[in-house]
């Protein structure tokens, strides 16, 4: 589910955001306690690709999860009848952790 969160364009990020030292969305410094790992991503470029490992702060990840849930739930058949949809459950967890 975390891979479904929309990230900013890699080309517009600072080196610290690409390294995961600061939030990929708002640039706030991250610690082990405040960081949310957003899963490995691949960036294609001429001659190959490279992996990067974005991280965000809990507040920003929660906000993005809320937006994701608003678009996901109405379109998801499982969400209409089953409260255990893994995308919805993961989004709700991030929303709670983000203090929203």
PDB file of N, CA and C in Angstrom:
ATOM      1  N   UNK A   1       0.819  -1.184   0.000  1.00  0.00           N
ATOM      2  CA  UNK A   1       0.000   0.000   0.000  1.00  0.00           C
ATOM      3  C   UNK A   1       0.863   1.247   0.000  1.00  0.00           C
ATOM      4  N   UNK A   2       1.934   1.237   0.767  1.00  0.00           N
ATOM      5  CA  UNK A   2       2.772   2.430   0.839  1.00  0.00           C
ATOM      6  C   UNK A   2       3.292   2.802  -0.545  1.00  0.00           C
ATOM      7  N   UNK A   3       3.514   1.810  -1.379  1.00  0.00           N
ATOM      8  CA  UNK A   3       3.981   2.086  -2.737  1.00  0.00           C
ATOM      9  C   UNK A   3       2.939   2.849  -3.544  1.00  0.00           C
ATOM     10  N   UNK A   4       1.675   2.821  -3.111  1.00  0.00           N
ATOM     11  CA  UNK A   4       0.618   3.532  -3.816  1.00  0.00           C
ATOM     12  C   UNK A   4       0.593   5.023  -3.484  1.00  0.00           C
ATOM     13  N   UNK A   5       1.299   5.440  -2.441  1.00  0.00           N
ATOM     14  CA  UNK A   5       1.327   6.860  -2.097  1.00  0.00           C
ATOM     15  C   UNK A   5       2.090   7.626  -3.169  1.00  0.00           C
ATOM     16  N   UNK A   6       1.500   8.713  -3.616  1.00  0.00           N
ATOM     17  CA  UNK A   6       2.126   9.510  -4.666  1.00  0.00           C
ATOM     18  C   UNK A   6       3.303  10.297  -4.102  1.00  0.00           C
ATOM     19  N   UNK A   7       4.417  10.208  -4.793  1.00  0.00           N
ATOM     20  CA  UNK A   7       5.629  10.918  -4.378  1.00  0.00           C
ATOM     21  C   UNK A   7       5.891  12.087  -5.316  1.00  0.00           C
ATOM     22  N   UNK A   8       6.606  13.094  -4.836  1.00  0.00           N
ATOM     23  CA  UNK A   8       7.016  14.165  -5.743  1.00  0.00           C
ATOM     24  C   UNK A   8       7.997  13.629  -6.788  1.00  0.00           C
ATOM     25  N   UNK A   9       8.125  14.363  -7.874  1.00  0.00           N
ATOM     26  CA  UNK A   9       9.057  13.956  -8.929  1.00  0.00           C
ATOM     27  C   UNK A   9      10.478  13.916  -8.382  1.00  0.00           C
ATOM     28  N   UNK A  10      11.167  12.854  -8.669  1.00  0.00           N
ATOM     29  CA  UNK A  10      12.530  12.659  -8.176  1.00  0.00           C
ATOM     30  C   UNK A  10      13.458  13.792  -8.614  1.00  0.00           C
ATOM     31  N   UNK A  11      13.270  14.280  -9.814  1.00  0.00           N
ATOM     32  CA  UNK A  11      14.149  15.322 -10.343  1.00  0.00           C
ATOM     33  C   UNK A  11      14.068  16.626  -9.554  1.00  0.00           C
ATOM     34  N   UNK A  12      12.976  16.836  -8.816  1.00  0.00           N
ATOM     35  CA  UNK A  12      12.825  18.061  -8.043  1.00  0.00           C
ATOM     36  C   UNK A  12      13.233  17.940  -6.589  1.00  0.00           C
ATOM     37  N   UNK A  13      13.749  16.774  -6.192  1.00  0.00           N
ATOM     38  CA  UNK A  13      14.100  16.547  -4.792  1.00  0.00           C
ATOM     39  C   UNK A  13      15.553  16.898  -4.512  1.00  0.00           C
ATOM     40  N   UNK A  14      15.810  17.236  -3.264  1.00  0.00           N
ATOM     41  CA  UNK A  14      17.186  17.484  -2.843  1.00  0.00           C
ATOM     42  C   UNK A  14      17.894  16.147  -2.635  1.00  0.00           C
ATOM     43  N   UNK A  15      19.197  16.214  -2.518  1.00  0.00           N
ATOM     44  CA  UNK A  15      19.979  15.000  -2.268  1.00  0.00           C
ATOM     45  C   UNK A  15      19.568  14.367  -0.937  1.00  0.00           C
ATOM     46  N   UNK A  16      19.274  15.190   0.067  1.00  0.00           N
ATOM     47  CA  UNK A  16      18.859  14.673   1.379  1.00  0.00           C
ATOM     48  C   UNK A  16      17.501  13.973   1.302  1.00  0.00           C
ATOM     49  N   UNK A  17      16.599  14.476   0.463  1.00  0.00           N
ATOM     50  CA  UNK A  17      15.306  13.815   0.284  1.00  0.00           C
ATOM     51  C   UNK A  17      15.477  12.473  -0.421  1.00  0.00           C
ATOM     52  N   UNK A  18      16.333  12.417  -1.419  1.00  0.00           N
ATOM     53  CA  UNK A  18      16.581  11.167  -2.137  1.00  0.00           C
ATOM     54  C   UNK A  18      17.220  10.137  -1.210  1.00  0.00           C
ATOM     55  N   UNK A  19      18.113  10.574  -0.324  1.00  0.00           N
ATOM     56  CA  UNK A  19      18.770   9.672   0.630  1.00  0.00           C
ATOM     57  C   UNK A  19      17.840   9.227   1.749  1.00  0.00           C
ATOM     58  N   UNK A  20      16.739   9.934   1.955  1.00  0.00           N
ATOM     59  CA  UNK A  20      15.835   9.588   3.043  1.00  0.00           C
ATOM     60  C   UNK A  20      16.199  10.228   4.366  1.00  0.00           C
ATOM     61  N   UNK A  21      17.084  11.217   4.338  1.00  0.00           N
ATOM     62  CA  UNK A  21      17.473  11.911   5.570  1.00  0.00           C
ATOM     63  C   UNK A  21      16.410  12.904   6.014  1.00  0.00           C
ATOM     64  N   UNK A  22      15.661  13.420   5.039  1.00  0.00           N
ATOM     65  CA  UNK A  22      14.578  14.356   5.325  1.00  0.00           C
ATOM     66  C   UNK A  22      13.326  13.894   4.586  1.00  0.00           C
ATOM     67  N   UNK A  23      12.183  14.400   5.013  1.00  0.00           N
ATOM     68  CA  UNK A  23      10.898  14.006   4.421  1.00  0.00           C
ATOM     69  C   UNK A  23      10.872  14.330   2.932  1.00  0.00           C
ATOM     70  N   UNK A  24      10.409  13.385   2.157  1.00  0.00           N
ATOM     71  CA  UNK A  24      10.355  13.546   0.712  1.00  0.00           C
ATOM     72  C   UNK A  24       9.352  14.642   0.317  1.00  0.00           C
ATOM     73  N   UNK A  25       8.376  14.941   1.186  1.00  0.00           N
ATOM     74  CA  UNK A  25       7.371  15.953   0.869  1.00  0.00           C
ATOM     75  C   UNK A  25       7.702  17.333   1.419  1.00  0.00           C
ATOM     76  N   UNK A  26       8.035  17.447   2.709  1.00  0.00           N
ATOM     77  CA  UNK A  26       8.216  18.785   3.282  1.00  0.00           C
ATOM     78  C   UNK A  26       9.643  19.088   3.717  1.00  0.00           C
ATOM     79  N   UNK A  27      10.558  18.147   3.583  1.00  0.00           N
ATOM     80  CA  UNK A  27      11.964  18.398   3.864  1.00  0.00           C
ATOM     81  C   UNK A  27      12.351  18.442   5.327  1.00  0.00           C
ATOM     82  N   UNK A  28      11.432  18.060   6.235  1.00  0.00           N
ATOM     83  CA  UNK A  28      11.752  18.059   7.661  1.00  0.00           C
ATOM     84  C   UNK A  28      12.734  16.924   7.965  1.00  0.00           C
ATOM     85  N   UNK A  29      13.673  17.177   8.869  1.00  0.00           N
ATOM     86  CA  UNK A  29      14.655  16.154   9.248  1.00  0.00           C
ATOM     87  C   UNK A  29      13.947  14.962   9.888  1.00  0.00           C
ATOM     88  N   UNK A  30      14.409  13.758   9.559  1.00  0.00           N
ATOM     89  CA  UNK A  30      13.787  12.530  10.048  1.00  0.00           C
ATOM     90  C   UNK A  30      14.695  11.806  11.029  1.00  0.00           C
ATOM     91  N   UNK A  31      14.063  11.122  11.969  1.00  0.00           N
ATOM     92  CA  UNK A  31      14.761  10.233  12.895  1.00  0.00           C
ATOM     93  C   UNK A  31      14.123   8.857  12.747  1.00  0.00           C
ATOM     94  N   UNK A  32      14.688   7.867  13.406  1.00  0.00           N
ATOM     95  CA  UNK A  32      14.078   6.535  13.373  1.00  0.00           C
ATOM     96  C   UNK A  32      12.658   6.572  13.919  1.00  0.00           C
ATOM     97  N   UNK A  33      12.399   7.438  14.890  1.00  0.00           N
ATOM     98  CA  UNK A  33      11.075   7.520  15.507  1.00  0.00           C
ATOM     99  C   UNK A  33      10.061   8.261  14.643  1.00  0.00           C
ATOM    100  N   UNK A  34      10.517   9.170  13.789  1.00  0.00           N
ATOM    101  CA  UNK A  34       9.570   9.991  13.028  1.00  0.00           C
ATOM    102  C   UNK A  34       9.433   9.579  11.568  1.00  0.00           C
ATOM    103  N   UNK A  35      10.305   8.723  11.082  1.00  0.00           N
ATOM    104  CA  UNK A  35      10.321   8.381   9.659  1.00  0.00           C
ATOM    105  C   UNK A  35       9.360   7.247   9.321  1.00  0.00           C
ATOM    106  N   UNK A  36       8.773   7.355   8.135  1.00  0.00           N
ATOM    107  CA  UNK A  36       7.982   6.279   7.544  1.00  0.00           C
ATOM    108  C   UNK A  36       8.712   5.864   6.276  1.00  0.00           C
ATOM    109  N   UNK A  37       9.149   4.622   6.212  1.00  0.00           N
ATOM    110  CA  UNK A  37       9.788   4.111   5.000  1.00  0.00           C
ATOM    111  C   UNK A  37       8.718   3.928   3.940  1.00  0.00           C
ATOM    112  N   UNK A  38       8.944   4.489   2.774  1.00  0.00           N
ATOM    113  CA  UNK A  38       7.950   4.465   1.705  1.00  0.00           C
ATOM    114  C   UNK A  38       8.225   3.392   0.668  1.00  0.00           C
ATOM    115  N   UNK A  39       9.152   2.515   0.965  1.00  0.00           N
ATOM    116  CA  UNK A  39       9.426   1.388   0.080  1.00  0.00           C
ATOM    117  C   UNK A  39      10.400   1.748  -1.024  1.00  0.00           C
ATOM    118  N   UNK A  40      11.136   0.752  -1.485  1.00  0.00           N
ATOM    119  CA  UNK A  40      12.113   1.003  -2.545  1.00  0.00           C
ATOM    120  C   UNK A  40      11.422   1.385  -3.852  1.00  0.00           C
ATOM    121  N   UNK A  41      12.040   2.261  -4.579  1.00  0.00           N
ATOM    122  CA  UNK A  41      11.536   2.698  -5.884  1.00  0.00           C
ATOM    123  C   UNK A  41      12.674   2.611  -6.887  1.00  0.00           C
ATOM    124  N   UNK A  42      12.313   2.446  -8.150  1.00  0.00           N
ATOM    125  CA  UNK A  42      13.305   2.425  -9.230  1.00  0.00           C
ATOM    126  C   UNK A  42      13.142   3.690 -10.056  1.00  0.00           C
ATOM    127  N   UNK A  43      14.252   4.264 -10.420  1.00  0.00           N
ATOM    128  CA  UNK A  43      14.257   5.417 -11.313  1.00  0.00           C
ATOM    129  C   UNK A  43      15.015   5.021 -12.562  1.00  0.00           C
ATOM    130  N   UNK A  44      14.329   5.074 -13.692  1.00  0.00           N
ATOM    131  CA  UNK A  44      14.990   4.754 -14.955  1.00  0.00           C
ATOM    132  C   UNK A  44      15.707   5.990 -15.464  1.00  0.00           C
ATOM    133  N   UNK A  45      16.843   5.738 -16.056  1.00  0.00           N
ATOM    134  CA  UNK A  45      17.613   6.799 -16.683  1.00  0.00           C
ATOM    135  C   UNK A  45      18.381   6.189 -17.844  1.00  0.00           C
ATOM    136  N   UNK A  46      18.901   7.009 -18.732  1.00  0.00           N
ATOM    137  CA  UNK A  46      19.656   6.454 -19.856  1.00  0.00           C
ATOM    138  C   UNK A  46      20.788   5.558 -19.358  1.00  0.00           C
ATOM    139  N   UNK A  47      20.860   4.377 -19.909  1.00  0.00           N
ATOM    140  CA  UNK A  47      21.917   3.446 -19.546  1.00  0.00           C
ATOM    141  C   UNK A  47      21.589   2.555 -18.369  1.00  0.00           C
ATOM    142  N   UNK A  48      20.362   2.633 -17.857  1.00  0.00           N
ATOM    143  CA  UNK A  48      20.005   1.759 -16.744  1.00  0.00           C
ATOM    144  C   UNK A  48      19.016   2.393 -15.790  1.00  0.00           C
ATOM    145  N   UNK A  49      19.091   1.959 -14.564  1.00  0.00           N
ATOM    146  CA  UNK A  49      18.199   2.489 -13.542  1.00  0.00           C
ATOM    147  C   UNK A  49      18.912   2.419 -12.196  1.00  0.00           C
ATOM    148  N   UNK A  50      18.341   3.097 -11.212  1.00  0.00           N
ATOM    149  CA  UNK A  50      18.892   3.000  -9.868  1.00  0.00           C
ATOM    150  C   UNK A  50      17.754   2.918  -8.868  1.00  0.00           C
ATOM    151  N   UNK A  51      18.050   2.330  -7.727  1.00  0.00           N
ATOM    152  CA  UNK A  51      17.072   2.222  -6.652  1.00  0.00           C
ATOM    153  C   UNK A  51      17.231   3.407  -5.714  1.00  0.00           C
ATOM    154  N   UNK A  52      16.101   3.876  -5.200  1.00  0.00           N
ATOM    155  CA  UNK A  52      16.152   4.876  -4.141  1.00  0.00           C
ATOM    156  C   UNK A  52      15.117   4.501  -3.102  1.00  0.00           C
ATOM    157  N   UNK A  53      15.304   5.003  -1.910  1.00  0.00           N
ATOM    158  CA  UNK A  53      14.526   4.555  -0.760  1.00  0.00           C
ATOM    159  C   UNK A  53      13.933   5.760  -0.033  1.00  0.00           C
ATOM    160  N   UNK A  54      12.840   6.296  -0.570  1.00  0.00           N
ATOM    161  CA  UNK A  54      12.270   7.508   0.023  1.00  0.00           C
ATOM    162  C   UNK A  54      11.670   7.257   1.404  1.00  0.00           C
ATOM    163  N   UNK A  55      11.704   8.313   2.218  1.00  0.00           N
ATOM    164  CA  UNK A  55      11.068   8.283   3.529  1.00  0.00           C
ATOM    165  C   UNK A  55      10.307   9.593   3.711  1.00  0.00           C
ATOM    166  N   UNK A  56       9.275   9.516   4.508  1.00  0.00           N
ATOM    167  CA  UNK A  56       8.511  10.715   4.816  1.00  0.00           C
ATOM    168  C   UNK A  56       8.272  10.814   6.301  1.00  0.00           C
ATOM    169  N   UNK A  57       7.827  11.977   6.749  1.00  0.00           N
ATOM    170  CA  UNK A  57       7.454  12.117   8.153  1.00  0.00           C
ATOM    171  C   UNK A  57       6.046  11.536   8.330  1.00  0.00           C
ATOM    172  N   UNK A  58       5.712  11.210   9.550  1.00  0.00           N
ATOM    173  CA  UNK A  58       4.421  10.576   9.823  1.00  0.00           C
ATOM    174  C   UNK A  58       3.254  11.474   9.429  1.00  0.00           C
ATOM    175  N   UNK A  59       3.385  12.781   9.672  1.00  0.00           N
ATOM    176  CA  UNK A  59       2.300  13.701   9.333  1.00  0.00           C
ATOM    177  C   UNK A  59       2.043  13.719   7.827  1.00  0.00           C
ATOM    178  N   UNK A  60       3.091  13.880   7.037  1.00  0.00           N
ATOM    179  CA  UNK A  60       2.929  13.919   5.579  1.00  0.00           C
ATOM    180  C   UNK A  60       2.436  12.579   5.032  1.00  0.00           C
ATOM    181  N   UNK A  61       2.977  11.474   5.544  1.00  0.00           N
ATOM    182  CA  UNK A  61       2.526  10.153   5.090  1.00  0.00           C
ATOM    183  C   UNK A  61       1.055   9.961   5.435  1.00  0.00           C
ATOM    184  N   UNK A  62       0.636  10.416   6.613  1.00  0.00           N
ATOM    185  CA  UNK A  62      -0.767  10.326   7.003  1.00  0.00           C
ATOM    186  C   UNK A  62      -1.664  11.146   6.093  1.00  0.00           C
ATOM    187  N   UNK A  63      -1.232  12.344   5.729  1.00  0.00           N
ATOM    188  CA  UNK A  63      -2.011  13.187   4.821  1.00  0.00           C
ATOM    189  C   UNK A  63      -2.155  12.529   3.452  1.00  0.00           C
ATOM    190  N   UNK A  64      -1.066  11.958   2.945  1.00  0.00           N
ATOM    191  CA  UNK A  64      -1.125  11.299   1.629  1.00  0.00           C
ATOM    192  C   UNK A  64      -1.982  10.041   1.692  1.00  0.00           C
ATOM    193  N   UNK A  65      -1.911   9.315   2.819  1.00  0.00           N
ATOM    194  CA  UNK A  65      -2.735   8.115   2.991  1.00  0.00           C
ATOM    195  C   UNK A  65      -4.212   8.489   3.030  1.00  0.00           C
ATOM    196  N   UNK A  66      -4.539   9.607   3.656  1.00  0.00           N
ATOM    197  CA  UNK A  66      -5.928  10.078   3.703  1.00  0.00           C
ATOM    198  C   UNK A  66      -6.436  10.357   2.289  1.00  0.00           C
ATOM    199  N   UNK A  67      -5.636  11.068   1.497  1.00  0.00           N
ATOM    200  CA  UNK A  67      -6.020  11.352   0.111  1.00  0.00           C
ATOM    201  C   UNK A  67      -6.174  10.061  -0.688  1.00  0.00           C
ATOM    202  N   UNK A  68      -5.250   9.118  -0.472  1.00  0.00           N
ATOM    203  CA  UNK A  68      -5.335   7.825  -1.155  1.00  0.00           C
ATOM    204  C   UNK A  68      -6.621   7.101  -0.781  1.00  0.00           C
ATOM    205  N   UNK A  69      -6.951   7.086   0.499  1.00  0.00           N
ATOM    206  CA  UNK A  69      -8.153   6.394   0.962  1.00  0.00           C
ATOM    207  C   UNK A  69      -9.409   7.014   0.362  1.00  0.00           C
ATOM    208  N   UNK A  70      -9.450   8.332   0.228  1.00  0.00           N
ATOM    209  CA  UNK A  70     -10.613   9.002  -0.352  1.00  0.00           C
ATOM    210  C   UNK A  70     -10.847   8.599  -1.804  1.00  0.00           C
ATOM    211  N   UNK A  71      -9.783   8.313  -2.543  1.00  0.00           N
ATOM    212  CA  UNK A  71      -9.954   7.887  -3.934  1.00  0.00           C
ATOM    213  C   UNK A  71     -10.076   6.373  -4.054  1.00  0.00           C
ATOM    214  N   UNK A  72      -9.400   5.646  -3.167  1.00  0.00           N
ATOM    215  CA  UNK A  72      -9.401   4.185  -3.246  1.00  0.00           C
ATOM    216  C   UNK A  72     -10.743   3.574  -2.826  1.00  0.00           C
ATOM    217  N   UNK A  73     -11.229   3.956  -1.666  1.00  0.00           N
ATOM    218  CA  UNK A  73     -12.395   3.281  -1.074  1.00  0.00           C
ATOM    219  C   UNK A  73     -13.636   3.288  -1.966  1.00  0.00           C
ATOM    220  N   UNK A  74     -14.020   4.402  -2.579  1.00  0.00           N
ATOM    221  CA  UNK A  74     -15.225   4.377  -3.416  1.00  0.00           C
ATOM    222  C   UNK A  74     -15.095   3.481  -4.654  1.00  0.00           C
ATOM    223  N   UNK A  75     -13.875   3.281  -5.128  1.00  0.00           N
ATOM    224  CA  UNK A  75     -13.662   2.487  -6.336  1.00  0.00           C
ATOM    225  C   UNK A  75     -13.358   1.022  -6.047  1.00  0.00           C
ATOM    226  N   UNK A  76     -13.123   0.674  -4.786  1.00  0.00           N
ATOM    227  CA  UNK A  76     -12.707  -0.681  -4.422  1.00  0.00           C
ATOM    228  C   UNK A  76     -13.914  -1.529  -4.035  1.00  0.00           C
ATOM    229  N   UNK A  77     -14.146  -2.595  -4.772  1.00  0.00           N
ATOM    230  CA  UNK A  77     -15.270  -3.488  -4.463  1.00  0.00           C
ATOM    231  C   UNK A  77     -15.109  -4.124  -3.090  1.00  0.00           C
ATOM    232  N   UNK A  78     -13.891  -4.471  -2.731  1.00  0.00           N
ATOM    233  CA  UNK A  78     -13.669  -5.100  -1.428  1.00  0.00           C
ATOM    234  C   UNK A  78     -13.996  -4.133  -0.293  1.00  0.00           C
ATOM    235  N   UNK A  79     -13.615  -2.874  -0.444  1.00  0.00           N
ATOM    236  CA  UNK A  79     -13.893  -1.881   0.603  1.00  0.00           C
ATOM    237  C   UNK A  79     -15.393  -1.716   0.843  1.00  0.00           C
ATOM    238  N   UNK A  80     -16.194  -1.951  -0.180  1.00  0.00           N
ATOM    239  CA  UNK A  80     -17.645  -1.766  -0.054  1.00  0.00           C
ATOM    240  C   UNK A  80     -18.280  -2.801   0.853  1.00  0.00           C
ATOM    241  N   UNK A  81     -17.639  -3.962   0.994  1.00  0.00           N
ATOM    242  CA  UNK A  81     -18.254  -5.038   1.783  1.00  0.00           C
ATOM    243  C   UNK A  81     -17.353  -5.619   2.863  1.00  0.00           C
ATOM    244  N   UNK A  82     -16.068  -5.290   2.826  1.00  0.00           N
ATOM    245  CA  UNK A  82     -15.111  -5.936   3.722  1.00  0.00           C
ATOM    246  C   UNK A  82     -14.172  -4.894   4.329  1.00  0.00           C
ATOM    247  N   UNK A  83     -14.224  -4.706   5.635  1.00  0.00           N
ATOM    248  CA  UNK A  83     -13.369  -3.693   6.260  1.00  0.00           C
ATOM    249  C   UNK A  83     -11.894  -4.093   6.358  1.00  0.00           C
ATOM    250  N   UNK A  84     -11.538  -5.267   5.826  1.00  0.00           N
ATOM    251  CA  UNK A  84     -10.150  -5.720   5.927  1.00  0.00           C
ATOM    252  C   UNK A  84      -9.360  -5.546   4.631  1.00  0.00           C
ATOM    253  N   UNK A  85      -9.849  -4.718   3.723  1.00  0.00           N
ATOM    254  CA  UNK A  85      -9.085  -4.446   2.499  1.00  0.00           C
ATOM    255  C   UNK A  85      -7.687  -3.988   2.912  1.00  0.00           C
ATOM    256  N   UNK A  86      -6.632  -4.648   2.433  1.00  0.00           N
ATOM    257  CA  UNK A  86      -5.283  -4.310   2.891  1.00  0.00           C
ATOM    258  C   UNK A  86      -4.869  -2.869   2.588  1.00  0.00           C
ATOM    259  N   UNK A  87      -5.321  -2.320   1.485  1.00  0.00           N
ATOM    260  CA  UNK A  87      -4.978  -0.935   1.165  1.00  0.00           C
ATOM    261  C   UNK A  87      -5.641   0.006   2.167  1.00  0.00           C
ATOM    262  N   UNK A  88      -6.921  -0.217   2.437  1.00  0.00           N
ATOM    263  CA  UNK A  88      -7.645   0.638   3.382  1.00  0.00           C
ATOM    264  C   UNK A  88      -7.092   0.507   4.798  1.00  0.00           C
ATOM    265  N   UNK A  89      -6.787  -0.711   5.213  1.00  0.00           N
ATOM    266  CA  UNK A  89      -6.248  -0.927   6.563  1.00  0.00           C
ATOM    267  C   UNK A  89      -4.899  -0.223   6.716  1.00  0.00           C
ATOM    268  N   UNK A  90      -4.036  -0.358   5.722  1.00  0.00           N
ATOM    269  CA  UNK A  90      -2.721   0.285   5.788  1.00  0.00           C
ATOM    270  C   UNK A  90      -2.859   1.809   5.759  1.00  0.00           C
ATOM    271  N   UNK A  91      -3.769   2.310   4.935  1.00  0.00           N
ATOM    272  CA  UNK A  91      -3.988   3.758   4.880  1.00  0.00           C
ATOM    273  C   UNK A  91      -4.488   4.278   6.222  1.00  0.00           C
ATOM    274  N   UNK A  92      -5.422   3.569   6.831  1.00  0.00           N
ATOM    275  CA  UNK A  92      -5.952   3.995   8.130  1.00  0.00           C
ATOM    276  C   UNK A  92      -4.863   3.988   9.202  1.00  0.00           C
ATOM    277  N   UNK A  93      -3.972   3.015   9.145  1.00  0.00           N
ATOM    278  CA  UNK A  93      -2.861   2.962  10.105  1.00  0.00           C
ATOM    279  C   UNK A  93      -1.967   4.189   9.951  1.00  0.00           C
ATOM    280  N   UNK A  94      -1.616   4.531   8.710  1.00  0.00           N
ATOM    281  CA  UNK A  94      -0.773   5.705   8.480  1.00  0.00           C
ATOM    282  C   UNK A  94      -1.476   6.993   8.902  1.00  0.00           C
ATOM    283  N   UNK A  95      -2.775   7.050   8.686  1.00  0.00           N
ATOM    284  CA  UNK A  95      -3.549   8.228   9.096  1.00  0.00           C
ATOM    285  C   UNK A  95      -3.489   8.390  10.611  1.00  0.00           C
ATOM    286  N   UNK A  96      -3.698   7.301  11.336  1.00  0.00           N
ATOM    287  CA  UNK A  96      -3.628   7.352  12.810  1.00  0.00           C
ATOM    288  C   UNK A  96      -2.225   7.727  13.281  1.00  0.00           C
ATOM    289  N   UNK A  97      -1.210   7.101  12.692  1.00  0.00           N
ATOM    290  CA  UNK A  97       0.170   7.388  13.089  1.00  0.00           C
ATOM    291  C   UNK A  97       0.556   8.835  12.794  1.00  0.00           C
ATOM    292  N   UNK A  98      -0.085   9.411  11.776  1.00  0.00           N
ATOM    293  CA  UNK A  98       0.187  10.803  11.428  1.00  0.00           C
ATOM    294  C   UNK A  98      -0.559  11.799  12.291  1.00  0.00           C
ATOM    295  N   UNK A  99      -1.387  11.290  13.210  1.00  0.00           N
ATOM    296  CA  UNK A  99      -2.114  12.165  14.117  1.00  0.00           C
ATOM    297  C   UNK A  99      -3.288  12.872  13.479  1.00  0.00           C
ATOM    298  N   UNK A 100      -3.806  12.325  12.399  1.00  0.00           N
ATOM    299  CA  UNK A 100      -4.934  12.970  11.711  1.00  0.00           C
ATOM    300  C   UNK A 100      -6.264  12.442  12.211  1.00  0.00           C
TER     301      UNK A 100
END
